[in-house]
Amino acid sequence: MNGVPLCVDGTTVNPPDHWSYQGLMLSGMPNLVLTFGYVDASWTPFVA
């Protein structure tokens, strides 16, 4: 995240110390979603 500090209720949070669940969210960090992938990629790619 390019050095951006994350704070929850005034306490600095280290993301690697938290669990990822449902593939997007980190435990103990409300309203934070992490997404990875391609923007223009098809969900069902085909080979011609």
PDB file of N, CA and C in Angstrom:
ATOM      1  N   MET A   1       0.820  -1.195   0.000  1.00  0.00           N
ATOM      2  CA  MET A   1       0.000   0.000   0.000  1.00  0.00           C
ATOM      3  C   MET A   1       0.856   1.248   0.000  1.00  0.00           C
ATOM      4  N   ASN A   2       2.068   1.091  -0.420  1.00  0.00           N
ATOM      5  CA  ASN A   2       2.961   2.220  -0.645  1.00  0.00           C
ATOM      6  C   ASN A   2       3.215   3.070   0.587  1.00  0.00           C
ATOM      7  N   GLY A   3       3.280   2.439   1.760  1.00  0.00           N
ATOM      8  CA  GLY A   3       3.636   3.160   2.967  1.00  0.00           C
ATOM      9  C   GLY A   3       2.511   3.909   3.657  1.00  0.00           C
ATOM     10  N   VAL A   4       1.264   3.698   3.231  1.00  0.00           N
ATOM     11  CA  VAL A   4       0.124   4.369   3.857  1.00  0.00           C
ATOM     12  C   VAL A   4      -0.162   3.693   5.193  1.00  0.00           C
ATOM     13  N   PRO A   5      -0.113   4.437   6.301  1.00  0.00           N
ATOM     14  CA  PRO A   5      -0.398   3.826   7.604  1.00  0.00           C
ATOM     15  C   PRO A   5      -1.892   3.571   7.781  1.00  0.00           C
ATOM     16  N   LEU A   6      -2.234   2.406   8.315  1.00  0.00           N
ATOM     17  CA  LEU A   6      -3.626   2.076   8.597  1.00  0.00           C
ATOM     18  C   LEU A   6      -3.874   2.224  10.090  1.00  0.00           C
ATOM     19  N   CYS A   7      -4.941   2.914  10.453  1.00  0.00           N
ATOM     20  CA  CYS A   7      -5.282   3.122  11.859  1.00  0.00           C
ATOM     21  C   CYS A   7      -6.732   2.730  12.087  1.00  0.00           C
ATOM     22  N   VAL A   8      -6.998   2.029  13.181  1.00  0.00           N
ATOM     23  CA  VAL A   8      -8.351   1.694  13.606  1.00  0.00           C
ATOM     24  C   VAL A   8      -8.507   2.204  15.028  1.00  0.00           C
ATOM     25  N   ASP A   9      -9.435   3.116  15.222  1.00  0.00           N
ATOM     26  CA  ASP A   9      -9.677   3.732  16.532  1.00  0.00           C
ATOM     27  C   ASP A   9      -8.405   4.337  17.121  1.00  0.00           C
ATOM     28  N   GLY A  10      -7.580   4.951  16.278  1.00  0.00           N
ATOM     29  CA  GLY A  10      -6.375   5.611  16.744  1.00  0.00           C
ATOM     30  C   GLY A  10      -5.174   4.707  16.958  1.00  0.00           C
ATOM     31  N   THR A  11      -5.325   3.402  16.697  1.00  0.00           N
ATOM     32  CA  THR A  11      -4.231   2.446  16.865  1.00  0.00           C
ATOM     33  C   THR A  11      -3.727   2.015  15.492  1.00  0.00           C
ATOM     34  N   THR A  12      -2.421   2.096  15.263  1.00  0.00           N
ATOM     35  CA  THR A  12      -1.840   1.661  13.998  1.00  0.00           C
ATOM     36  C   THR A  12      -1.969   0.151  13.864  1.00  0.00           C
ATOM     37  N   VAL A  13      -2.370  -0.289  12.664  1.00  0.00           N
ATOM     38  CA  VAL A  13      -2.622  -1.705  12.399  1.00  0.00           C
ATOM     39  C   VAL A  13      -1.630  -2.215  11.366  1.00  0.00           C
ATOM     40  N   ASN A  14      -1.072  -3.393  11.597  1.00  0.00           N
ATOM     41  CA  ASN A  14      -0.176  -4.051  10.656  1.00  0.00           C
ATOM     42  C   ASN A  14      -0.973  -5.140   9.936  1.00  0.00           C
ATOM     43  N   PRO A  15      -1.360  -4.957   8.652  1.00  0.00           N
ATOM     44  CA  PRO A  15      -2.216  -5.910   7.949  1.00  0.00           C
ATOM     45  C   PRO A  15      -1.737  -7.369   7.962  1.00  0.00           C
ATOM     46  N   PRO A  16      -0.423  -7.662   7.877  1.00  0.00           N
ATOM     47  CA  PRO A  16      -0.011  -9.076   7.907  1.00  0.00           C
ATOM     48  C   PRO A  16      -0.344  -9.795   9.221  1.00  0.00           C
ATOM     49  N   ASP A  17      -0.678  -9.052  10.264  1.00  0.00           N
ATOM     50  CA  ASP A  17      -1.029  -9.675  11.539  1.00  0.00           C
ATOM     51  C   ASP A  17      -2.494 -10.092  11.615  1.00  0.00           C
ATOM     52  N   HIS A  18      -3.271  -9.880  10.550  1.00  0.00           N
ATOM     53  CA  HIS A  18      -4.703 -10.171  10.553  1.00  0.00           C
ATOM     54  C   HIS A  18      -5.038 -11.259   9.546  1.00  0.00           C
ATOM     55  N   TRP A  19      -6.168 -11.932   9.781  1.00  0.00           N
ATOM     56  CA  TRP A  19      -6.645 -12.986   8.894  1.00  0.00           C
ATOM     57  C   TRP A  19      -7.457 -12.409   7.746  1.00  0.00           C
ATOM     58  N   SER A  20      -7.353 -13.028   6.593  1.00  0.00           N
ATOM     59  CA  SER A  20      -8.193 -12.683   5.458  1.00  0.00           C
ATOM     60  C   SER A  20      -9.363 -13.654   5.435  1.00  0.00           C
ATOM     61  N   TYR A  21     -10.575 -13.128   5.270  1.00  0.00           N
ATOM     62  CA  TYR A  21     -11.730 -14.013   5.186  1.00  0.00           C
ATOM     63  C   TYR A  21     -12.650 -13.571   4.060  1.00  0.00           C
ATOM     64  N   GLN A  22     -13.374 -14.530   3.518  1.00  0.00           N
ATOM     65  CA  GLN A  22     -14.241 -14.364   2.355  1.00  0.00           C
ATOM     66  C   GLN A  22     -13.466 -13.818   1.158  1.00  0.00           C
ATOM     67  N   GLY A  23     -12.166 -14.026   1.156  1.00  0.00           N
ATOM     68  CA  GLY A  23     -11.342 -13.650   0.024  1.00  0.00           C
ATOM     69  C   GLY A  23     -11.117 -12.164  -0.175  1.00  0.00           C
ATOM     70  N   LEU A  24     -11.723 -11.316   0.653  1.00  0.00           N
ATOM     71  CA  LEU A  24     -11.616  -9.875   0.435  1.00  0.00           C
ATOM     72  C   LEU A  24     -11.278  -9.067   1.674  1.00  0.00           C
ATOM     73  N   MET A  25     -11.801  -9.464   2.837  1.00  0.00           N
ATOM     74  CA  MET A  25     -11.735  -8.613   4.020  1.00  0.00           C
ATOM     75  C   MET A  25     -10.671  -9.077   5.008  1.00  0.00           C
ATOM     76  N   LEU A  26     -10.167  -8.152   5.802  1.00  0.00           N
ATOM     77  CA  LEU A  26      -9.216  -8.478   6.853  1.00  0.00           C
ATOM     78  C   LEU A  26      -9.909  -8.388   8.207  1.00  0.00           C
ATOM     79  N   SER A  27      -9.610  -9.338   9.073  1.00  0.00           N
ATOM     80  CA  SER A  27     -10.226  -9.349  10.394  1.00  0.00           C
ATOM     81  C   SER A  27      -9.827  -8.125  11.198  1.00  0.00           C
ATOM     82  N   GLY A  28     -10.762  -7.569  11.941  1.00  0.00           N
ATOM     83  CA  GLY A  28     -10.487  -6.435  12.800  1.00  0.00           C
ATOM     84  C   GLY A  28     -10.320  -5.110  12.090  1.00  0.00           C
ATOM     85  N   MET A  29     -10.572  -5.076  10.788  1.00  0.00           N
ATOM     86  CA  MET A  29     -10.419  -3.843  10.020  1.00  0.00           C
ATOM     87  C   MET A  29     -11.717  -3.564   9.269  1.00  0.00           C
ATOM     88  N   PRO A  30     -12.617  -2.780   9.867  1.00  0.00           N
ATOM     89  CA  PRO A  30     -13.911  -2.522   9.236  1.00  0.00           C
ATOM     90  C   PRO A  30     -13.780  -1.673   7.968  1.00  0.00           C
ATOM     91  N   ASN A  31     -14.650  -1.968   6.999  1.00  0.00           N
ATOM     92  CA  ASN A  31     -14.753  -1.190   5.755  1.00  0.00           C
ATOM     93  C   ASN A  31     -13.472  -1.178   4.924  1.00  0.00           C
ATOM     94  N   LEU A  32     -12.676  -2.225   5.019  1.00  0.00           N
ATOM     95  CA  LEU A  32     -11.483  -2.334   4.188  1.00  0.00           C
ATOM     96  C   LEU A  32     -11.601  -3.602   3.352  1.00  0.00           C
ATOM     97  N   VAL A  33     -11.506  -3.463   2.043  1.00  0.00           N
ATOM     98  CA  VAL A  33     -11.606  -4.600   1.139  1.00  0.00           C
ATOM     99  C   VAL A  33     -10.374  -4.611   0.248  1.00  0.00           C
ATOM    100  N   LEU A  34      -9.747  -5.773   0.120  1.00  0.00           N
ATOM    101  CA  LEU A  34      -8.587  -5.937  -0.751  1.00  0.00           C
ATOM    102  C   LEU A  34      -8.999  -6.752  -1.964  1.00  0.00           C
ATOM    103  N   THR A  35      -8.756  -6.249  -3.151  1.00  0.00           N
ATOM    104  CA  THR A  35      -9.075  -6.998  -4.367  1.00  0.00           C
ATOM    105  C   THR A  35      -7.829  -7.088  -5.240  1.00  0.00           C
ATOM    106  N   PHE A  36      -7.692  -8.206  -5.900  1.00  0.00           N
ATOM    107  CA  PHE A  36      -6.574  -8.436  -6.811  1.00  0.00           C
ATOM    108  C   PHE A  36      -7.122  -9.052  -8.083  1.00  0.00           C
ATOM    109  N   GLY A  37      -6.520  -8.766  -9.196  1.00  0.00           N
ATOM    110  CA  GLY A  37      -6.932  -9.395 -10.443  1.00  0.00           C
ATOM    111  C   GLY A  37      -6.872  -8.430 -11.607  1.00  0.00           C
ATOM    112  N   TYR A  38      -7.450  -8.875 -12.710  1.00  0.00           N
ATOM    113  CA  TYR A  38      -7.460  -8.090 -13.937  1.00  0.00           C
ATOM    114  C   TYR A  38      -8.787  -7.364 -14.075  1.00  0.00           C
ATOM    115  N   VAL A  39      -8.743  -6.144 -14.564  1.00  0.00           N
ATOM    116  CA  VAL A  39      -9.968  -5.358 -14.728  1.00  0.00           C
ATOM    117  C   VAL A  39     -10.727  -5.808 -15.952  1.00  0.00           C
ATOM    118  N   ASP A  40     -10.045  -6.043 -17.057  1.00  0.00           N
ATOM    119  CA  ASP A  40     -10.715  -6.347 -18.319  1.00  0.00           C
ATOM    120  C   ASP A  40     -10.701  -7.828 -18.691  1.00  0.00           C
ATOM    121  N   ALA A  41     -10.365  -8.711 -17.755  1.00  0.00           N
ATOM    122  CA  ALA A  41     -10.289 -10.134 -18.063  1.00  0.00           C
ATOM    123  C   ALA A  41     -11.680 -10.766 -17.958  1.00  0.00           C
ATOM    124  N   SER A  42     -11.935 -11.718 -18.826  1.00  0.00           N
ATOM    125  CA  SER A  42     -13.197 -12.441 -18.794  1.00  0.00           C
ATOM    126  C   SER A  42     -13.183 -13.468 -17.677  1.00  0.00           C
ATOM    127  N   TRP A  43     -14.352 -13.734 -17.093  1.00  0.00           N
ATOM    128  CA  TRP A  43     -14.447 -14.751 -16.047  1.00  0.00           C
ATOM    129  C   TRP A  43     -14.327 -16.146 -16.644  1.00  0.00           C
ATOM    130  N   THR A  44     -14.700 -16.292 -17.911  1.00  0.00           N
ATOM    131  CA  THR A  44     -14.638 -17.584 -18.580  1.00  0.00           C
ATOM    132  C   THR A  44     -13.810 -17.462 -19.847  1.00  0.00           C
ATOM    133  N   PRO A  45     -12.498 -17.444 -19.703  1.00  0.00           N
ATOM    134  CA  PRO A  45     -11.659 -17.312 -20.904  1.00  0.00           C
ATOM    135  C   PRO A  45     -11.760 -18.567 -21.776  1.00  0.00           C
ATOM    136  N   PHE A  46     -11.611 -18.394 -23.056  1.00  0.00           N
ATOM    137  CA  PHE A  46     -11.695 -19.509 -23.979  1.00  0.00           C
ATOM    138  C   PHE A  46     -10.441 -19.571 -24.841  1.00  0.00           C
ATOM    139  N   VAL A  47     -10.175 -20.727 -25.349  1.00  0.00           N
ATOM    140  CA  VAL A  47      -9.023 -20.926 -26.225  1.00  0.00           C
ATOM    141  C   VAL A  47      -9.542 -21.164 -27.627  1.00  0.00           C
ATOM    142  N   ALA A  48      -9.076 -20.380 -28.577  1.00  0.00           N
ATOM    143  CA  ALA A  48      -9.573 -20.506 -29.966  1.00  0.00           C
ATOM    144  C   ALA A  48      -8.709 -21.461 -30.747  1.00  0.00           C
TER     145      ALA A  48
END
